[in-house]
Amino acid sequence: MVPVAGFKVIGVVGLGLMGTGIAQVAAMADYDVVALDSEKSLVDRSIARIASSLQRMVEKGIFPETVPENILSRIRGSSALEAMSDCDLIIEAVYEDYNSNQLRCCYR
């Protein structure tokens, strides 16, 4: 992937399956990533999913052993909105529950 001119840090708000995938792909493309969700446990779960996915890639021979650590080092997880202050681009991937007309969002 060719980096977009001027973008160095990508923020991802909402760390469900889609947000986790976006954070992983951005980090794999050599961007620094700020991964944000409303609770630290959700952030931790997302980063653990990424680590697991990267480890499977190692087991399949897609990456050498050292690559997952390098990719994970580019991801900074947070539940504090202030962590997004240095992002050049922010991608919203917040879960939407259309039946309740509410969003599970970082800050209500």
PDB file of N, CA and C in Angstrom:
ATOM      1  N   MET A   1       0.844  -1.180   0.000  1.00  0.00           N
ATOM      2  CA  MET A   1       0.000   0.000   0.000  1.00  0.00           C
ATOM      3  C   MET A   1       0.883   1.235   0.000  1.00  0.00           C
ATOM      4  N   VAL A   2       0.538   2.189  -0.800  1.00  0.00           N
ATOM      5  CA  VAL A   2       1.268   3.448  -0.860  1.00  0.00           C
ATOM      6  C   VAL A   2       0.654   4.413   0.153  1.00  0.00           C
ATOM      7  N   PRO A   3       1.457   4.913   1.114  1.00  0.00           N
ATOM      8  CA  PRO A   3       0.915   5.844   2.099  1.00  0.00           C
ATOM      9  C   PRO A   3       0.354   7.105   1.432  1.00  0.00           C
ATOM     10  N   VAL A   4      -0.737   7.592   1.970  1.00  0.00           N
ATOM     11  CA  VAL A   4      -1.346   8.817   1.486  1.00  0.00           C
ATOM     12  C   VAL A   4      -0.497   9.989   1.974  1.00  0.00           C
ATOM     13  N   ALA A   5      -0.190  10.896   1.077  1.00  0.00           N
ATOM     14  CA  ALA A   5       0.682  12.020   1.409  1.00  0.00           C
ATOM     15  C   ALA A   5       0.186  12.776   2.631  1.00  0.00           C
ATOM     16  N   GLY A   6       1.064  12.941   3.594  1.00  0.00           N
ATOM     17  CA  GLY A   6       0.743  13.728   4.769  1.00  0.00           C
ATOM     18  C   GLY A   6       0.118  12.950   5.911  1.00  0.00           C
ATOM     19  N   PHE A   7      -0.383  11.757   5.661  1.00  0.00           N
ATOM     20  CA  PHE A   7      -0.993  10.964   6.732  1.00  0.00           C
ATOM     21  C   PHE A   7       0.079  10.100   7.390  1.00  0.00           C
ATOM     22  N   LYS A   8       0.191  10.257   8.697  1.00  0.00           N
ATOM     23  CA  LYS A   8       1.126   9.429   9.453  1.00  0.00           C
ATOM     24  C   LYS A   8       0.410   8.634  10.533  1.00  0.00           C
ATOM     25  N   VAL A   9      -0.630   9.238  11.122  1.00  0.00           N
ATOM     26  CA  VAL A   9      -1.342   8.603  12.225  1.00  0.00           C
ATOM     27  C   VAL A   9      -2.814   8.492  11.855  1.00  0.00           C
ATOM     28  N   ILE A  10      -3.330   7.268  11.915  1.00  0.00           N
ATOM     29  CA  ILE A  10      -4.734   7.015  11.613  1.00  0.00           C
ATOM     30  C   ILE A  10      -5.440   6.611  12.897  1.00  0.00           C
ATOM     31  N   GLY A  11      -6.565   7.244  13.176  1.00  0.00           N
ATOM     32  CA  GLY A  11      -7.384   6.891  14.330  1.00  0.00           C
ATOM     33  C   GLY A  11      -8.558   6.039  13.887  1.00  0.00           C
ATOM     34  N   VAL A  12      -8.891   5.054  14.705  1.00  0.00           N
ATOM     35  CA  VAL A  12     -10.057   4.211  14.454  1.00  0.00           C
ATOM     36  C   VAL A  12     -10.931   4.267  15.696  1.00  0.00           C
ATOM     37  N   VAL A  13     -12.160   4.736  15.535  1.00  0.00           N
ATOM     38  CA  VAL A  13     -13.110   4.844  16.639  1.00  0.00           C
ATOM     39  C   VAL A  13     -14.127   3.723  16.494  1.00  0.00           C
ATOM     40  N   GLY A  14     -14.199   2.862  17.484  1.00  0.00           N
ATOM     41  CA  GLY A  14     -15.100   1.714  17.456  1.00  0.00           C
ATOM     42  C   GLY A  14     -14.315   0.476  17.090  1.00  0.00           C
ATOM     43  N   LEU A  15     -14.134  -0.429  18.037  1.00  0.00           N
ATOM     44  CA  LEU A  15     -13.251  -1.569  17.826  1.00  0.00           C
ATOM     45  C   LEU A  15     -13.991  -2.904  17.827  1.00  0.00           C
ATOM     46  N   GLY A  16     -15.117  -2.933  17.113  1.00  0.00           N
ATOM     47  CA  GLY A  16     -15.750  -4.214  16.850  1.00  0.00           C
ATOM     48  C   GLY A  16     -14.937  -4.924  15.779  1.00  0.00           C
ATOM     49  N   LEU A  17     -15.555  -5.872  15.105  1.00  0.00           N
ATOM     50  CA  LEU A  17     -14.821  -6.613  14.072  1.00  0.00           C
ATOM     51  C   LEU A  17     -14.308  -5.700  12.964  1.00  0.00           C
ATOM     52  N   MET A  18     -15.152  -4.790  12.498  1.00  0.00           N
ATOM     53  CA  MET A  18     -14.749  -3.922  11.403  1.00  0.00           C
ATOM     54  C   MET A  18     -13.643  -2.955  11.842  1.00  0.00           C
ATOM     55  N   GLY A  19     -13.815  -2.288  12.960  1.00  0.00           N
ATOM     56  CA  GLY A  19     -12.813  -1.353  13.437  1.00  0.00           C
ATOM     57  C   GLY A  19     -11.487  -2.030  13.743  1.00  0.00           C
ATOM     58  N   THR A  20     -11.550  -3.235  14.301  1.00  0.00           N
ATOM     59  CA  THR A  20     -10.338  -3.996  14.575  1.00  0.00           C
ATOM     60  C   THR A  20      -9.613  -4.320  13.272  1.00  0.00           C
ATOM     61  N   GLY A  21     -10.372  -4.719  12.264  1.00  0.00           N
ATOM     62  CA  GLY A  21      -9.776  -5.019  10.964  1.00  0.00           C
ATOM     63  C   GLY A  21      -9.151  -3.796  10.321  1.00  0.00           C
ATOM     64  N   ILE A  22      -9.821  -2.668  10.427  1.00  0.00           N
ATOM     65  CA  ILE A  22      -9.281  -1.422   9.867  1.00  0.00           C
ATOM     66  C   ILE A  22      -7.976  -1.054  10.577  1.00  0.00           C
ATOM     67  N   ALA A  23      -7.968  -1.168  11.901  1.00  0.00           N
ATOM     68  CA  ALA A  23      -6.755  -0.850  12.664  1.00  0.00           C
ATOM     69  C   ALA A  23      -5.603  -1.770  12.256  1.00  0.00           C
ATOM     70  N   GLN A  24      -5.891  -3.053  12.080  1.00  0.00           N
ATOM     71  CA  GLN A  24      -4.858  -4.004  11.695  1.00  0.00           C
ATOM     72  C   GLN A  24      -4.296  -3.682  10.310  1.00  0.00           C
ATOM     73  N   VAL A  25      -5.165  -3.455   9.350  1.00  0.00           N
ATOM     74  CA  VAL A  25      -4.713  -3.169   7.986  1.00  0.00           C
ATOM     75  C   VAL A  25      -3.905  -1.872   7.934  1.00  0.00           C
ATOM     76  N   ALA A  26      -4.338  -0.867   8.671  1.00  0.00           N
ATOM     77  CA  ALA A  26      -3.600   0.400   8.693  1.00  0.00           C
ATOM     78  C   ALA A  26      -2.205   0.207   9.285  1.00  0.00           C
ATOM     79  N   ALA A  27      -2.105  -0.556  10.372  1.00  0.00           N
ATOM     80  CA  ALA A  27      -0.799  -0.815  10.983  1.00  0.00           C
ATOM     81  C   ALA A  27       0.076  -1.652  10.058  1.00  0.00           C
ATOM     82  N   MET A  28      -0.530  -2.600   9.351  1.00  0.00           N
ATOM     83  CA  MET A  28       0.217  -3.417   8.395  1.00  0.00           C
ATOM     84  C   MET A  28       0.721  -2.579   7.222  1.00  0.00           C
ATOM     85  N   ALA A  29       0.060  -1.463   6.949  1.00  0.00           N
ATOM     86  CA  ALA A  29       0.463  -0.559   5.871  1.00  0.00           C
ATOM     87  C   ALA A  29       1.446   0.502   6.371  1.00  0.00           C
ATOM     88  N   ASP A  30       2.012   0.286   7.541  1.00  0.00           N
ATOM     89  CA  ASP A  30       3.045   1.151   8.127  1.00  0.00           C
ATOM     90  C   ASP A  30       2.545   2.477   8.676  1.00  0.00           C
ATOM     91  N   TYR A  31       1.262   2.586   8.961  1.00  0.00           N
ATOM     92  CA  TYR A  31       0.747   3.771   9.642  1.00  0.00           C
ATOM     93  C   TYR A  31       0.786   3.531  11.147  1.00  0.00           C
ATOM     94  N   ASP A  32       0.976   4.592  11.911  1.00  0.00           N
ATOM     95  CA  ASP A  32       0.735   4.528  13.344  1.00  0.00           C
ATOM     96  C   ASP A  32      -0.768   4.616  13.519  1.00  0.00           C
ATOM     97  N   VAL A  33      -1.291   3.856  14.470  1.00  0.00           N
ATOM     98  CA  VAL A  33      -2.736   3.752  14.646  1.00  0.00           C
ATOM     99  C   VAL A  33      -3.102   4.049  16.094  1.00  0.00           C
ATOM    100  N   VAL A  34      -4.129   4.874  16.274  1.00  0.00           N
ATOM    101  CA  VAL A  34      -4.734   5.068  17.583  1.00  0.00           C
ATOM    102  C   VAL A  34      -6.084   4.363  17.521  1.00  0.00           C
ATOM    103  N   ALA A  35      -6.239   3.316  18.337  1.00  0.00           N
ATOM    104  CA  ALA A  35      -7.455   2.504  18.353  1.00  0.00           C
ATOM    105  C   ALA A  35      -8.263   2.879  19.595  1.00  0.00           C
ATOM    106  N   LEU A  36      -9.479   3.365  19.392  1.00  0.00           N
ATOM    107  CA  LEU A  36     -10.279   3.935  20.480  1.00  0.00           C
ATOM    108  C   LEU A  36     -11.619   3.239  20.612  1.00  0.00           C
ATOM    109  N   ASP A  37     -11.978   2.908  21.839  1.00  0.00           N
ATOM    110  CA  ASP A  37     -13.328   2.459  22.149  1.00  0.00           C
ATOM    111  C   ASP A  37     -13.678   2.933  23.551  1.00  0.00           C
ATOM    112  N   SER A  38     -14.919   2.739  23.933  1.00  0.00           N
ATOM    113  CA  SER A  38     -15.434   3.330  25.166  1.00  0.00           C
ATOM    114  C   SER A  38     -14.884   2.699  26.438  1.00  0.00           C
ATOM    115  N   GLU A  39     -14.422   1.453  26.365  1.00  0.00           N
ATOM    116  CA  GLU A  39     -13.935   0.762  27.556  1.00  0.00           C
ATOM    117  C   GLU A  39     -12.587   0.126  27.276  1.00  0.00           C
ATOM    118  N   LYS A  40     -11.715   0.148  28.263  1.00  0.00           N
ATOM    119  CA  LYS A  40     -10.386  -0.437  28.105  1.00  0.00           C
ATOM    120  C   LYS A  40     -10.483  -1.919  27.759  1.00  0.00           C
ATOM    121  N   SER A  41     -11.456  -2.621  28.304  1.00  0.00           N
ATOM    122  CA  SER A  41     -11.587  -4.057  28.009  1.00  0.00           C
ATOM    123  C   SER A  41     -11.862  -4.291  26.518  1.00  0.00           C
ATOM    124  N   LEU A  42     -12.611  -3.389  25.885  1.00  0.00           N
ATOM    125  CA  LEU A  42     -12.878  -3.516  24.452  1.00  0.00           C
ATOM    126  C   LEU A  42     -11.625  -3.237  23.632  1.00  0.00           C
ATOM    127  N   VAL A  43     -10.836  -2.284  24.084  1.00  0.00           N
ATOM    128  CA  VAL A  43      -9.570  -1.970  23.420  1.00  0.00           C
ATOM    129  C   VAL A  43      -8.624  -3.164  23.539  1.00  0.00           C
ATOM    130  N   ASP A  44      -8.515  -3.712  24.733  1.00  0.00           N
ATOM    131  CA  ASP A  44      -7.635  -4.858  24.971  1.00  0.00           C
ATOM    132  C   ASP A  44      -8.068  -6.061  24.125  1.00  0.00           C
ATOM    133  N   ARG A  45      -9.363  -6.306  24.042  1.00  0.00           N
ATOM    134  CA  ARG A  45      -9.882  -7.418  23.238  1.00  0.00           C
ATOM    135  C   ARG A  45      -9.527  -7.228  21.769  1.00  0.00           C
ATOM    136  N   SER A  46      -9.649  -6.013  21.280  1.00  0.00           N
ATOM    137  CA  SER A  46      -9.330  -5.717  19.887  1.00  0.00           C
ATOM    138  C   SER A  46      -7.856  -5.969  19.585  1.00  0.00           C
ATOM    139  N   ILE A  47      -6.987  -5.495  20.442  1.00  0.00           N
ATOM    140  CA  ILE A  47      -5.553  -5.684  20.223  1.00  0.00           C
ATOM    141  C   ILE A  47      -5.192  -7.166  20.324  1.00  0.00           C
ATOM    142  N   ALA A  48      -5.844  -7.897  21.219  1.00  0.00           N
ATOM    143  CA  ALA A  48      -5.612  -9.343  21.317  1.00  0.00           C
ATOM    144  C   ALA A  48      -6.062 -10.050  20.033  1.00  0.00           C
ATOM    145  N   ARG A  49      -7.176  -9.609  19.451  1.00  0.00           N
ATOM    146  CA  ARG A  49      -7.633 -10.180  18.175  1.00  0.00           C
ATOM    147  C   ARG A  49      -6.619  -9.942  17.064  1.00  0.00           C
ATOM    148  N   ILE A  50      -6.078  -8.738  17.034  1.00  0.00           N
ATOM    149  CA  ILE A  50      -5.076  -8.412  16.015  1.00  0.00           C
ATOM    150  C   ILE A  50      -3.840  -9.290  16.218  1.00  0.00           C
ATOM    151  N   ALA A  51      -3.388  -9.418  17.449  1.00  0.00           N
ATOM    152  CA  ALA A  51      -2.217 -10.253  17.738  1.00  0.00           C
ATOM    153  C   ALA A  51      -2.456 -11.693  17.304  1.00  0.00           C
ATOM    154  N   SER A  52      -3.642 -12.196  17.581  1.00  0.00           N
ATOM    155  CA  SER A  52      -3.992 -13.568  17.190  1.00  0.00           C
ATOM    156  C   SER A  52      -4.007 -13.728  15.677  1.00  0.00           C
ATOM    157  N   SER A  53      -4.571 -12.761  14.992  1.00  0.00           N
ATOM    158  CA  SER A  53      -4.628 -12.791  13.530  1.00  0.00           C
ATOM    159  C   SER A  53      -3.219 -12.777  12.932  1.00  0.00           C
ATOM    160  N   LEU A  54      -2.363 -11.933  13.471  1.00  0.00           N
ATOM    161  CA  LEU A  54      -0.997 -11.846  12.979  1.00  0.00           C
ATOM    162  C   LEU A  54      -0.233 -13.138  13.255  1.00  0.00           C
ATOM    163  N   GLN A  55      -0.484 -13.751  14.406  1.00  0.00           N
ATOM    164  CA  GLN A  55       0.183 -15.007  14.738  1.00  0.00           C
ATOM    165  C   GLN A  55      -0.239 -16.114  13.775  1.00  0.00           C
ATOM    166  N   ARG A  56      -1.504 -16.123  13.389  1.00  0.00           N
ATOM    167  CA  ARG A  56      -1.952 -17.110  12.395  1.00  0.00           C
ATOM    168  C   ARG A  56      -1.236 -16.901  11.065  1.00  0.00           C
ATOM    169  N   MET A  57      -0.981 -15.647  10.720  1.00  0.00           N
ATOM    170  CA  MET A  57      -0.246 -15.360   9.490  1.00  0.00           C
ATOM    171  C   MET A  57       1.185 -15.893   9.570  1.00  0.00           C
ATOM    172  N   VAL A  58       1.789 -15.813  10.736  1.00  0.00           N
ATOM    173  CA  VAL A  58       3.132 -16.370  10.939  1.00  0.00           C
ATOM    174  C   VAL A  58       3.075 -17.882  10.755  1.00  0.00           C
ATOM    175  N   GLU A  59       2.087 -18.519  11.371  1.00  0.00           N
ATOM    176  CA  GLU A  59       1.949 -19.978  11.292  1.00  0.00           C
ATOM    177  C   GLU A  59       1.722 -20.459   9.866  1.00  0.00           C
ATOM    178  N   LYS A  60       1.091 -19.626   9.047  1.00  0.00           N
ATOM    179  CA  LYS A  60       0.847 -19.978   7.647  1.00  0.00           C
ATOM    180  C   LYS A  60       2.030 -19.621   6.749  1.00  0.00           C
ATOM    181  N   GLY A  61       3.056 -19.013   7.321  1.00  0.00           N
ATOM    182  CA  GLY A  61       4.234 -18.654   6.553  1.00  0.00           C
ATOM    183  C   GLY A  61       4.112 -17.347   5.792  1.00  0.00           C
ATOM    184  N   ILE A  62       3.090 -16.557   6.091  1.00  0.00           N
ATOM    185  CA  ILE A  62       2.892 -15.275   5.415  1.00  0.00           C
ATOM    186  C   ILE A  62       3.896 -14.238   5.919  1.00  0.00           C
ATOM    187  N   PHE A  63       4.173 -14.272   7.222  1.00  0.00           N
ATOM    188  CA  PHE A  63       5.106 -13.344   7.852  1.00  0.00           C
ATOM    189  C   PHE A  63       6.178 -14.127   8.594  1.00  0.00           C
ATOM    190  N   PRO A  64       7.386 -13.560   8.700  1.00  0.00           N
ATOM    191  CA  PRO A  64       8.362 -14.138   9.631  1.00  0.00           C
ATOM    192  C   PRO A  64       7.970 -13.797  11.069  1.00  0.00           C
ATOM    193  N   GLU A  65       8.564 -14.472  12.011  1.00  0.00           N
ATOM    194  CA  GLU A  65       8.223 -14.333  13.442  1.00  0.00           C
ATOM    195  C   GLU A  65       8.285 -12.906  13.964  1.00  0.00           C
ATOM    196  N   THR A  66       9.154 -12.075  13.423  1.00  0.00           N
ATOM    197  CA  THR A  66       9.379 -10.732  13.971  1.00  0.00           C
ATOM    198  C   THR A  66       8.351  -9.700  13.507  1.00  0.00           C
ATOM    199  N   VAL A  67       7.607  -9.998  12.473  1.00  0.00           N
ATOM    200  CA  VAL A  67       6.705  -8.994  11.894  1.00  0.00           C
ATOM    201  C   VAL A  67       5.532  -8.629  12.813  1.00  0.00           C
ATOM    202  N   PRO A  68       4.848  -9.595  13.457  1.00  0.00           N
ATOM    203  CA  PRO A  68       3.711  -9.203  14.308  1.00  0.00           C
ATOM    204  C   PRO A  68       4.075  -8.196  15.396  1.00  0.00           C
ATOM    205  N   GLU A  69       5.214  -8.372  16.025  1.00  0.00           N
ATOM    206  CA  GLU A  69       5.617  -7.430  17.071  1.00  0.00           C
ATOM    207  C   GLU A  69       5.804  -6.027  16.497  1.00  0.00           C
ATOM    208  N   ASN A  70       6.371  -5.951  15.305  1.00  0.00           N
ATOM    209  CA  ASN A  70       6.585  -4.669  14.642  1.00  0.00           C
ATOM    210  C   ASN A  70       5.243  -4.001  14.336  1.00  0.00           C
ATOM    211  N   ILE A  71       4.302  -4.767  13.817  1.00  0.00           N
ATOM    212  CA  ILE A  71       2.975  -4.232  13.488  1.00  0.00           C
ATOM    213  C   ILE A  71       2.253  -3.786  14.760  1.00  0.00           C
ATOM    214  N   LEU A  72       2.262  -4.636  15.776  1.00  0.00           N
ATOM    215  CA  LEU A  72       1.577  -4.306  17.034  1.00  0.00           C
ATOM    216  C   LEU A  72       2.177  -3.069  17.697  1.00  0.00           C
ATOM    217  N   SER A  73       3.461  -2.829  17.495  1.00  0.00           N
ATOM    218  CA  SER A  73       4.096  -1.660  18.113  1.00  0.00           C
ATOM    219  C   SER A  73       3.568  -0.354  17.527  1.00  0.00           C
ATOM    220  N   ARG A  74       2.930  -0.420  16.359  1.00  0.00           N
ATOM    221  CA  ARG A  74       2.376   0.783  15.736  1.00  0.00           C
ATOM    222  C   ARG A  74       0.953   1.079  16.208  1.00  0.00           C
ATOM    223  N   ILE A  75       0.361   0.197  17.014  1.00  0.00           N
ATOM    224  CA  ILE A  75      -1.023   0.387  17.464  1.00  0.00           C
ATOM    225  C   ILE A  75      -1.017   0.838  18.917  1.00  0.00           C
ATOM    226  N   ARG A  76      -1.672   1.975  19.151  1.00  0.00           N
ATOM    227  CA  ARG A  76      -1.813   2.507  20.506  1.00  0.00           C
ATOM    228  C   ARG A  76      -3.290   2.490  20.845  1.00  0.00           C
ATOM    229  N   GLY A  77      -3.674   1.667  21.791  1.00  0.00           N
ATOM    230  CA  GLY A  77      -5.073   1.570  22.194  1.00  0.00           C
ATOM    231  C   GLY A  77      -5.401   2.549  23.302  1.00  0.00           C
ATOM    232  N   SER A  78      -6.652   3.036  23.302  1.00  0.00           N
ATOM    233  CA  SER A  78      -7.066   3.989  24.331  1.00  0.00           C
ATOM    234  C   SER A  78      -8.586   4.006  24.462  1.00  0.00           C
ATOM    235  N   SER A  79      -9.031   4.443  25.622  1.00  0.00           N
ATOM    236  CA  SER A  79     -10.459   4.720  25.819  1.00  0.00           C
ATOM    237  C   SER A  79     -10.667   6.210  26.118  1.00  0.00           C
ATOM    238  N   ALA A  80      -9.624   6.994  25.909  1.00  0.00           N
ATOM    239  CA  ALA A  80      -9.691   8.440  26.153  1.00  0.00           C
ATOM    240  C   ALA A  80      -9.706   9.181  24.816  1.00  0.00           C
ATOM    241  N   LEU A  81     -10.721   9.962  24.606  1.00  0.00           N
ATOM    242  CA  LEU A  81     -10.880  10.695  23.360  1.00  0.00           C
ATOM    243  C   LEU A  81      -9.669  11.570  23.043  1.00  0.00           C
ATOM    244  N   GLU A  82      -9.008  12.077  24.050  1.00  0.00           N
ATOM    245  CA  GLU A  82      -7.842  12.939  23.861  1.00  0.00           C
ATOM    246  C   GLU A  82      -6.725  12.233  23.092  1.00  0.00           C
ATOM    247  N   ALA A  83      -6.713  10.915  23.105  1.00  0.00           N
ATOM    248  CA  ALA A  83      -5.677  10.150  22.405  1.00  0.00           C
ATOM    249  C   ALA A  83      -5.725  10.371  20.895  1.00  0.00           C
ATOM    250  N   MET A  84      -6.863  10.845  20.395  1.00  0.00           N
ATOM    251  CA  MET A  84      -7.027  11.065  18.960  1.00  0.00           C
ATOM    252  C   MET A  84      -6.467  12.414  18.502  1.00  0.00           C
ATOM    253  N   SER A  85      -5.945  13.204  19.405  1.00  0.00           N
ATOM    254  CA  SER A  85      -5.559  14.577  19.083  1.00  0.00           C
ATOM    255  C   SER A  85      -4.459  14.675  18.028  1.00  0.00           C
ATOM    256  N   ASP A  86      -3.619  13.668  17.893  1.00  0.00           N
ATOM    257  CA  ASP A  86      -2.536  13.756  16.915  1.00  0.00           C
ATOM    258  C   ASP A  86      -2.826  12.966  15.633  1.00  0.00           C
ATOM    259  N   CYS A  87      -4.063  12.541  15.440  1.00  0.00           N
ATOM    260  CA  CYS A  87      -4.425  11.757  14.249  1.00  0.00           C
ATOM    261  C   CYS A  87      -4.569  12.665  13.025  1.00  0.00           C
ATOM    262  N   ASP A  88      -4.056  12.179  11.910  1.00  0.00           N
ATOM    263  CA  ASP A  88      -4.201  12.889  10.640  1.00  0.00           C
ATOM    264  C   ASP A  88      -5.507  12.508   9.941  1.00  0.00           C
ATOM    265  N   LEU A  89      -6.007  11.329  10.250  1.00  0.00           N
ATOM    266  CA  LEU A  89      -7.254  10.816   9.669  1.00  0.00           C
ATOM    267  C   LEU A  89      -7.933   9.984  10.733  1.00  0.00           C
ATOM    268  N   ILE A  90      -9.239  10.168  10.901  1.00  0.00           N
ATOM    269  CA  ILE A  90     -10.003   9.365  11.867  1.00  0.00           C
ATOM    270  C   ILE A  90     -11.103   8.640  11.123  1.00  0.00           C
ATOM    271  N   ILE A  91     -11.169   7.326  11.339  1.00  0.00           N
ATOM    272  CA  ILE A  91     -12.180   6.486  10.711  1.00  0.00           C
ATOM    273  C   ILE A  91     -13.164   6.035  11.778  1.00  0.00           C
ATOM    274  N   GLU A  92     -14.427   6.274  11.549  1.00  0.00           N
ATOM    275  CA  GLU A  92     -15.483   5.900  12.500  1.00  0.00           C
ATOM    276  C   GLU A  92     -16.042   4.540  12.107  1.00  0.00           C
ATOM    277  N   ALA A  93     -16.026   3.614  13.074  1.00  0.00           N
ATOM    278  CA  ALA A  93     -16.563   2.273  12.853  1.00  0.00           C
ATOM    279  C   ALA A  93     -17.387   1.859  14.073  1.00  0.00           C
ATOM    280  N   VAL A  94     -18.205   2.757  14.557  1.00  0.00           N
ATOM    281  CA  VAL A  94     -18.977   2.534  15.774  1.00  0.00           C
ATOM    282  C   VAL A  94     -20.173   1.634  15.489  1.00  0.00           C
ATOM    283  N   TYR A  95     -20.407   0.706  16.387  1.00  0.00           N
ATOM    284  CA  TYR A  95     -21.541  -0.209  16.296  1.00  0.00           C
ATOM    285  C   TYR A  95     -22.849   0.568  16.358  1.00  0.00           C
ATOM    286  N   GLU A  96     -23.752   0.249  15.459  1.00  0.00           N
ATOM    287  CA  GLU A  96     -25.055   0.907  15.433  1.00  0.00           C
ATOM    288  C   GLU A  96     -26.150  -0.126  15.646  1.00  0.00           C
ATOM    289  N   ASP A  97     -27.020   0.130  16.586  1.00  0.00           N
ATOM    290  CA  ASP A  97     -28.158  -0.745  16.843  1.00  0.00           C
ATOM    291  C   ASP A  97     -29.399  -0.007  16.371  1.00  0.00           C
ATOM    292  N   TYR A  98     -29.838  -0.319  15.164  1.00  0.00           N
ATOM    293  CA  TYR A  98     -30.954   0.396  14.561  1.00  0.00           C
ATOM    294  C   TYR A  98     -32.274   0.138  15.274  1.00  0.00           C
ATOM    295  N   ASN A  99     -32.385  -0.977  15.976  1.00  0.00           N
ATOM    296  CA  ASN A  99     -33.625  -1.281  16.687  1.00  0.00           C
ATOM    297  C   ASN A  99     -33.835  -0.370  17.886  1.00  0.00           C
ATOM    298  N   SER A 100     -32.750   0.072  18.499  1.00  0.00           N
ATOM    299  CA  SER A 100     -32.909   0.920  19.677  1.00  0.00           C
ATOM    300  C   SER A 100     -32.666   2.402  19.365  1.00  0.00           C
ATOM    301  N   ASN A 101     -32.294   2.709  18.139  1.00  0.00           N
ATOM    302  CA  ASN A 101     -31.984   4.081  17.744  1.00  0.00           C
ATOM    303  C   ASN A 101     -30.884   4.695  18.586  1.00  0.00           C
ATOM    304  N   GLN A 102     -29.970   3.844  19.091  1.00  0.00           N
ATOM    305  CA  GLN A 102     -28.830   4.334  19.869  1.00  0.00           C
ATOM    306  C   GLN A 102     -27.551   3.809  19.264  1.00  0.00           C
ATOM    307  N   LEU A 103     -26.484   4.527  19.496  1.00  0.00           N
ATOM    308  CA  LEU A 103     -25.177   4.092  19.075  1.00  0.00           C
ATOM    309  C   LEU A 103     -24.385   3.660  20.296  1.00  0.00           C
ATOM    310  N   ARG A 104     -23.625   2.579  20.157  1.00  0.00           N
ATOM    311  CA  ARG A 104     -22.660   2.261  21.194  1.00  0.00           C
ATOM    312  C   ARG A 104     -21.429   3.056  20.821  1.00  0.00           C
ATOM    313  N   CYS A 105     -21.264   4.147  21.504  1.00  0.00           N
ATOM    314  CA  CYS A 105     -20.236   5.100  21.092  1.00  0.00           C
ATOM    315  C   CYS A 105     -19.303   5.361  22.264  1.00  0.00           C
ATOM    316  N   CYS A 106     -18.191   5.971  21.965  1.00  0.00           N
ATOM    317  CA  CYS A 106     -17.211   6.249  23.007  1.00  0.00           C
ATOM    318  C   CYS A 106     -17.728   7.232  24.037  1.00  0.00           C
ATOM    319  N   TYR A 107     -18.485   8.207  23.583  1.00  0.00           N
ATOM    320  CA  TYR A 107     -18.949   9.245  24.490  1.00  0.00           C
ATOM    321  C   TYR A 107     -20.370   9.609  24.131  1.00  0.00           C
ATOM    322  N   ARG A 108     -21.276   9.457  25.080  1.00  0.00           N
ATOM    323  CA  ARG A 108     -22.697   9.730  24.817  1.00  0.00           C
ATOM    324  C   ARG A 108     -23.071  11.087  25.349  1.00  0.00           C
TER     325      ARG A 108
END
